[in-house]
């Protein structure tokens, strides 16, 4: 179960309590809004869970003599990207600039790791 679906499931009792409280206090507008919210949450939970979004794998170029930290990445969607400083995490990149998928950084080969 995804975190979002768990959050929706966990929120339903609170929404139902809010509906009861709004009815008790005579707030018809709030009762109607909260009822619509509960129905929407139930519909979202009844829908099949979406398929996980595939990632775009970014592979860092291996360091070479004279260029120890290239900060250049080849993407699995067929593009190349270079950072002026740092890498994917340092620059807080989460999604590929080209295909829009979530970035997954491939580990460097063991002999290259520092």
C-alpha atoms as a PDB file:
ATOM      1  CA  UNK A   1       0.000   0.000   0.000  1.00  0.00           C
ATOM      2  CA  UNK A   2       1.380   3.366  -0.963  1.00  0.00           C
ATOM      3  CA  UNK A   3       1.888   6.080   1.609  1.00  0.00           C
ATOM      4  CA  UNK A   4      -0.838   8.174  -0.032  1.00  0.00           C
ATOM      5  CA  UNK A   5      -3.415   5.375   0.104  1.00  0.00           C
ATOM      6  CA  UNK A   6      -2.560   4.681   3.747  1.00  0.00           C
ATOM      7  CA  UNK A   7      -3.003   8.363   4.556  1.00  0.00           C
ATOM      8  CA  UNK A   8      -6.425   8.374   2.859  1.00  0.00           C
ATOM      9  CA  UNK A   9      -7.469   5.236   4.712  1.00  0.00           C
ATOM     10  CA  UNK A  10      -6.280   6.663   8.036  1.00  0.00           C
ATOM     11  CA  UNK A  11      -8.152   9.939   7.420  1.00  0.00           C
ATOM     12  CA  UNK A  12     -11.598   8.400   6.928  1.00  0.00           C
ATOM     13  CA  UNK A  13     -12.449   8.001  10.660  1.00  0.00           C
ATOM     14  CA  UNK A  14     -11.564  11.657  11.278  1.00  0.00           C
ATOM     15  CA  UNK A  15     -13.739  12.761   8.355  1.00  0.00           C
ATOM     16  CA  UNK A  16     -16.668  10.691   9.668  1.00  0.00           C
ATOM     17  CA  UNK A  17     -16.191  12.214  13.140  1.00  0.00           C
ATOM     18  CA  UNK A  18     -16.227  15.692  11.590  1.00  0.00           C
ATOM     19  CA  UNK A  19     -19.480  14.848   9.770  1.00  0.00           C
ATOM     20  CA  UNK A  20     -21.079  13.717  13.040  1.00  0.00           C
ATOM     21  CA  UNK A  21     -19.904  16.847  14.838  1.00  0.00           C
ATOM     22  CA  UNK A  22     -21.135  19.139  12.045  1.00  0.00           C
ATOM     23  CA  UNK A  23     -24.557  17.427  12.122  1.00  0.00           C
ATOM     24  CA  UNK A  24     -24.714  17.742  15.903  1.00  0.00           C
ATOM     25  CA  UNK A  25     -23.892  21.455  15.715  1.00  0.00           C
ATOM     26  CA  UNK A  26     -26.372  22.063  12.890  1.00  0.00           C
ATOM     27  CA  UNK A  27     -23.789  23.083  10.280  1.00  0.00           C
ATOM     28  CA  UNK A  28     -25.510  21.737   7.163  1.00  0.00           C
ATOM     29  CA  UNK A  29     -22.996  23.295   4.734  1.00  0.00           C
ATOM     30  CA  UNK A  30     -20.065  21.729   6.553  1.00  0.00           C
ATOM     31  CA  UNK A  31     -21.914  18.416   6.801  1.00  0.00           C
ATOM     32  CA  UNK A  32     -22.460  18.383   3.041  1.00  0.00           C
ATOM     33  CA  UNK A  33     -18.827  19.298   2.286  1.00  0.00           C
ATOM     34  CA  UNK A  34     -17.434  16.671   4.648  1.00  0.00           C
ATOM     35  CA  UNK A  35     -19.802  14.033   3.232  1.00  0.00           C
ATOM     36  CA  UNK A  36     -18.573  14.838  -0.285  1.00  0.00           C
ATOM     37  CA  UNK A  37     -14.987  14.570   0.961  1.00  0.00           C
ATOM     38  CA  UNK A  38     -15.682  11.162   2.537  1.00  0.00           C
ATOM     39  CA  UNK A  39     -17.275   9.959  -0.708  1.00  0.00           C
ATOM     40  CA  UNK A  40     -14.295  11.190  -2.742  1.00  0.00           C
ATOM     41  CA  UNK A  41     -11.824   9.460  -0.406  1.00  0.00           C
ATOM     42  CA  UNK A  42     -13.846   6.219  -0.611  1.00  0.00           C
ATOM     43  CA  UNK A  43     -13.850   6.439  -4.421  1.00  0.00           C
ATOM     44  CA  UNK A  44     -10.081   6.962  -4.508  1.00  0.00           C
ATOM     45  CA  UNK A  45      -9.534   3.987  -2.238  1.00  0.00           C
ATOM     46  CA  UNK A  46     -11.872   1.816  -4.345  1.00  0.00           C
ATOM     47  CA  UNK A  47      -9.910   2.582  -7.512  1.00  0.00           C
ATOM     48  CA  UNK A  48      -7.049   0.225  -8.353  1.00  0.00           C
ATOM     49  CA  UNK A  49      -3.653   1.391  -7.181  1.00  0.00           C
ATOM     50  CA  UNK A  50      -1.698   3.062  -9.970  1.00  0.00           C
ATOM     51  CA  UNK A  51       1.238   1.246 -11.494  1.00  0.00           C
ATOM     52  CA  UNK A  52       4.576   2.484 -10.178  1.00  0.00           C
ATOM     53  CA  UNK A  53       6.195   5.054 -12.439  1.00  0.00           C
ATOM     54  CA  UNK A  54       9.321   3.769 -14.110  1.00  0.00           C
ATOM     55  CA  UNK A  55      12.540   5.588 -13.300  1.00  0.00           C
ATOM     56  CA  UNK A  56      15.107   7.140 -15.580  1.00  0.00           C
ATOM     57  CA  UNK A  57      18.499   5.733 -14.648  1.00  0.00           C
ATOM     58  CA  UNK A  58      21.373   8.226 -14.684  1.00  0.00           C
ATOM     59  CA  UNK A  59      24.879   6.736 -14.981  1.00  0.00           C
ATOM     60  CA  UNK A  60      27.802   8.975 -14.052  1.00  0.00           C
ATOM     61  CA  UNK A  61      30.772   9.058 -16.370  1.00  0.00           C
ATOM     62  CA  UNK A  62      33.780   7.412 -14.819  1.00  0.00           C
ATOM     63  CA  UNK A  63      36.547   9.727 -13.626  1.00  0.00           C
ATOM     64  CA  UNK A  64      39.516  10.070 -15.959  1.00  0.00           C
ATOM     65  CA  UNK A  65      42.994  11.557 -15.488  1.00  0.00           C
ATOM     66  CA  UNK A  66      42.741  15.329 -15.408  1.00  0.00           C
ATOM     67  CA  UNK A  67      38.997  15.234 -14.899  1.00  0.00           C
ATOM     68  CA  UNK A  68      38.497  13.389 -11.580  1.00  0.00           C
ATOM     69  CA  UNK A  69      34.853  14.388 -11.001  1.00  0.00           C
ATOM     70  CA  UNK A  70      33.179  14.817 -14.371  1.00  0.00           C
ATOM     71  CA  UNK A  71      29.619  15.372 -13.028  1.00  0.00           C
ATOM     72  CA  UNK A  72      28.378  14.148 -16.396  1.00  0.00           C
ATOM     73  CA  UNK A  73      25.529  11.652 -16.556  1.00  0.00           C
ATOM     74  CA  UNK A  74      24.134   9.477 -19.338  1.00  0.00           C
ATOM     75  CA  UNK A  75      20.379   8.990 -18.976  1.00  0.00           C
ATOM     76  CA  UNK A  76      18.469   5.815 -19.802  1.00  0.00           C
ATOM     77  CA  UNK A  77      16.171   7.949 -21.987  1.00  0.00           C
ATOM     78  CA  UNK A  78      19.138   8.676 -24.284  1.00  0.00           C
ATOM     79  CA  UNK A  79      20.441  12.077 -23.197  1.00  0.00           C
ATOM     80  CA  UNK A  80      23.494  13.494 -21.462  1.00  0.00           C
ATOM     81  CA  UNK A  81      23.464  16.031 -18.636  1.00  0.00           C
ATOM     82  CA  UNK A  82      26.371  17.868 -16.988  1.00  0.00           C
ATOM     83  CA  UNK A  83      26.311  19.721 -13.667  1.00  0.00           C
ATOM     84  CA  UNK A  84      28.677  22.654 -13.164  1.00  0.00           C
ATOM     85  CA  UNK A  85      29.226  21.519  -9.568  1.00  0.00           C
ATOM     86  CA  UNK A  86      28.168  18.440  -7.627  1.00  0.00           C
ATOM     87  CA  UNK A  87      25.893  15.713  -8.838  1.00  0.00           C
ATOM     88  CA  UNK A  88      22.244  14.710  -8.829  1.00  0.00           C
ATOM     89  CA  UNK A  89      21.783  14.762  -5.037  1.00  0.00           C
ATOM     90  CA  UNK A  90      23.913  17.893  -4.532  1.00  0.00           C
ATOM     91  CA  UNK A  91      21.710  19.802  -6.974  1.00  0.00           C
ATOM     92  CA  UNK A  92      18.470  18.313  -5.601  1.00  0.00           C
ATOM     93  CA  UNK A  93      17.405  16.837  -8.949  1.00  0.00           C
ATOM     94  CA  UNK A  94      14.511  14.404  -8.540  1.00  0.00           C
ATOM     95  CA  UNK A  95      13.113  14.158 -12.073  1.00  0.00           C
ATOM     96  CA  UNK A  96      14.777  13.773 -15.450  1.00  0.00           C
ATOM     97  CA  UNK A  97      14.849  17.035 -17.405  1.00  0.00           C
ATOM     98  CA  UNK A  98      14.093  15.144 -20.613  1.00  0.00           C
ATOM     99  CA  UNK A  99      11.533  12.395 -19.941  1.00  0.00           C
ATOM    100  CA  UNK A 100      10.131  13.622 -16.607  1.00  0.00           C
ATOM    101  CA  UNK A 101      10.550  10.286 -14.817  1.00  0.00           C
ATOM    102  CA  UNK A 102      11.997  10.051 -11.301  1.00  0.00           C
ATOM    103  CA  UNK A 103      15.797   9.828 -11.391  1.00  0.00           C
ATOM    104  CA  UNK A 104      17.571   6.719 -10.142  1.00  0.00           C
ATOM    105  CA  UNK A 105      21.347   7.095 -10.018  1.00  0.00           C
ATOM    106  CA  UNK A 106      23.275   3.984 -10.999  1.00  0.00           C
ATOM    107  CA  UNK A 107      26.115   3.135  -8.609  1.00  0.00           C
ATOM    108  CA  UNK A 108      29.642   3.646  -9.866  1.00  0.00           C
ATOM    109  CA  UNK A 109      31.642   0.476 -10.505  1.00  0.00           C
ATOM    110  CA  UNK A 110      33.454  -0.756  -7.382  1.00  0.00           C
ATOM    111  CA  UNK A 111      36.924   0.027  -8.721  1.00  0.00           C
ATOM    112  CA  UNK A 112      35.915   3.669  -9.265  1.00  0.00           C
ATOM    113  CA  UNK A 113      34.238   4.315  -5.899  1.00  0.00           C
ATOM    114  CA  UNK A 114      36.282   6.554  -3.642  1.00  0.00           C
END
